[in-house]
Amino acid sequence: MDKLEQYRTAIQKLLTDYASQDYHASDPDIETQLLFDTERDHYQWMDIGWQELRRVYHSIIHLDIKDGKIWLQQNLTEFNPAEELVAMGIPREDIILGLHPPYKRPYTDYGVA
């Protein structure tokens, strides 16, 4: 399996595992959606629906693959997807914490871009 396919597979497995533990599972008015765009390499876990009169439309976790690196763009969970990707064999330098500003990235244990 080439590097890009390995990264796609790891991201899809990670998001599928996370979404199966969804904290909204007991609420029938909130739908969990997994969005896997393997052509443009955008991957998201979304919660969509209603809580009484309040609209729920959240990107819970968003990952992209850009220039051969995995970019963590959003994480509204207690999970640590970057560390779990490392445990799946993804090199730390190939994980970019895009949710941090560029000046902070050199101080993380992950890649910089």
Protein backbone atom coordinates (compact mmCIF):
# COMPACT_ATOMS: atom_id res chain seq x y z
CA MET A 1 0.00 0.00 0.00
CA ASP A 2 1.45 3.37 -0.96
CA LYS A 3 1.75 6.24 1.51
CA LEU A 4 -1.33 8.15 0.29
CA GLU A 5 -3.55 5.05 0.49
CA GLN A 6 -2.17 4.26 3.95
CA TYR A 7 -3.07 7.78 5.12
CA ARG A 8 -6.57 7.61 3.60
CA THR A 9 -7.24 4.23 5.19
CA ALA A 10 -5.96 5.37 8.61
CA ILE A 11 -8.09 8.53 8.59
CA GLN A 12 -11.24 6.70 7.52
CA LYS A 13 -10.76 4.03 10.19
CA LEU A 14 -10.10 6.64 12.86
CA LEU A 15 -13.20 8.71 12.04
CA THR A 16 -15.38 5.62 11.73
CA ASP A 17 -14.23 4.41 15.16
CA TYR A 18 -14.78 7.82 16.72
CA ALA A 19 -18.23 8.31 15.19
CA SER A 20 -19.35 4.89 16.45
CA GLN A 21 -18.81 6.28 19.99
CA ASP A 22 -20.87 9.38 19.18
CA TYR A 23 -22.23 11.11 22.25
CA HIS A 24 -25.41 12.09 20.30
CA ALA A 25 -26.28 8.48 19.48
CA SER A 26 -29.24 8.58 21.86
CA ASP A 27 -30.70 11.72 20.25
CA PRO A 28 -32.78 10.73 17.19
CA ASP A 29 -32.88 14.34 15.96
CA ILE A 30 -29.11 14.55 15.47
CA GLU A 31 -27.50 12.65 12.63
CA THR A 32 -23.84 11.72 12.56
CA GLN A 33 -22.34 11.99 9.08
CA LEU A 34 -18.94 10.83 7.91
CA LEU A 35 -17.78 12.66 4.80
CA PHE A 36 -14.90 11.00 2.93
CA ASP A 37 -13.79 12.87 -0.21
CA THR A 38 -10.98 10.59 -1.40
CA GLU A 39 -10.59 12.52 -4.66
CA ARG A 40 -9.72 15.83 -2.96
CA ASP A 41 -8.67 14.25 0.38
CA HIS A 42 -11.07 15.97 2.78
CA TYR A 43 -12.46 13.91 5.69
CA GLN A 44 -15.00 15.03 8.27
CA TRP A 45 -17.21 13.81 11.07
CA MET A 46 -20.29 16.05 11.22
CA ASP A 47 -23.26 16.23 13.57
CA ILE A 48 -26.38 17.67 11.94
CA GLY A 49 -29.93 18.14 13.22
CA TRP A 50 -31.89 19.88 15.95
CA GLN A 51 -31.86 20.08 19.74
CA GLU A 52 -35.28 21.50 20.52
CA LEU A 53 -35.21 24.91 18.75
CA ARG A 54 -31.43 25.05 18.29
CA ARG A 55 -29.85 24.03 14.98
CA VAL A 56 -26.95 21.59 15.29
CA TYR A 57 -24.44 21.80 12.46
CA HIS A 58 -20.96 20.98 13.68
CA SER A 59 -17.79 19.78 12.07
CA ILE A 60 -16.58 17.63 14.96
CA ILE A 61 -13.30 16.47 13.40
CA HIS A 62 -11.87 17.62 10.07
CA LEU A 63 -8.74 16.17 8.49
CA ASP A 64 -7.18 16.87 5.09
CA ILE A 65 -4.30 15.35 3.19
CA LYS A 66 -2.23 18.09 1.53
CA ASP A 67 1.20 17.72 -0.05
CA GLY A 68 1.63 14.23 1.40
CA LYS A 69 0.85 15.29 4.97
CA ILE A 70 -2.21 14.87 7.19
CA TRP A 71 -3.61 18.17 8.40
CA LEU A 72 -5.74 18.15 11.57
CA GLN A 73 -8.01 21.14 10.91
CA GLN A 74 -10.62 20.73 13.67
CA ASN A 75 -11.07 18.60 16.77
CA LEU A 76 -14.02 19.24 19.10
CA THR A 77 -13.58 15.98 21.00
CA GLU A 78 -11.57 14.61 23.89
CA PHE A 79 -9.90 12.21 21.47
CA ASN A 80 -6.30 12.76 20.37
CA PRO A 81 -6.37 11.90 16.66
CA ALA A 82 -2.76 12.98 16.08
CA GLU A 83 -1.43 10.50 18.64
CA GLU A 84 -3.73 7.77 17.37
CA LEU A 85 -2.47 8.34 13.82
CA VAL A 86 1.10 7.99 15.12
CA ALA A 87 0.08 4.72 16.79
CA MET A 88 -1.24 3.60 13.38
CA GLY A 89 2.20 4.11 11.84
CA ILE A 90 1.95 7.69 10.52
CA PRO A 91 5.22 9.58 11.11
CA ARG A 92 4.89 12.60 13.42
CA GLU A 93 6.49 14.87 10.84
CA ASP A 94 3.65 14.00 8.42
CA ILE A 95 0.96 15.26 10.81
CA ILE A 96 0.34 19.01 10.80
CA LEU A 97 -1.74 20.59 13.54
CA GLY A 98 -3.54 23.03 11.25
CA LEU A 99 -5.79 24.03 14.14
CA HIS A 100 -2.76 25.78 15.67
CA PRO A 101 -1.38 29.00 14.17
CA PRO A 102 1.79 28.54 12.09
CA TYR A 103 4.04 30.23 14.67
CA LYS A 104 3.09 27.59 17.30
CA ARG A 105 3.62 24.50 15.14
CA PRO A 106 7.42 24.29 15.60
CA TYR A 107 6.80 23.87 19.34
CA THR A 108 4.58 20.81 18.90
CA ASP A 109 5.86 17.26 18.51
CA TYR A 110 4.45 17.19 14.98
CA GLY A 111 5.30 18.46 11.52
CA VAL A 112 5.39 22.06 10.36
CA ALA A 113 4.36 23.38 6.99
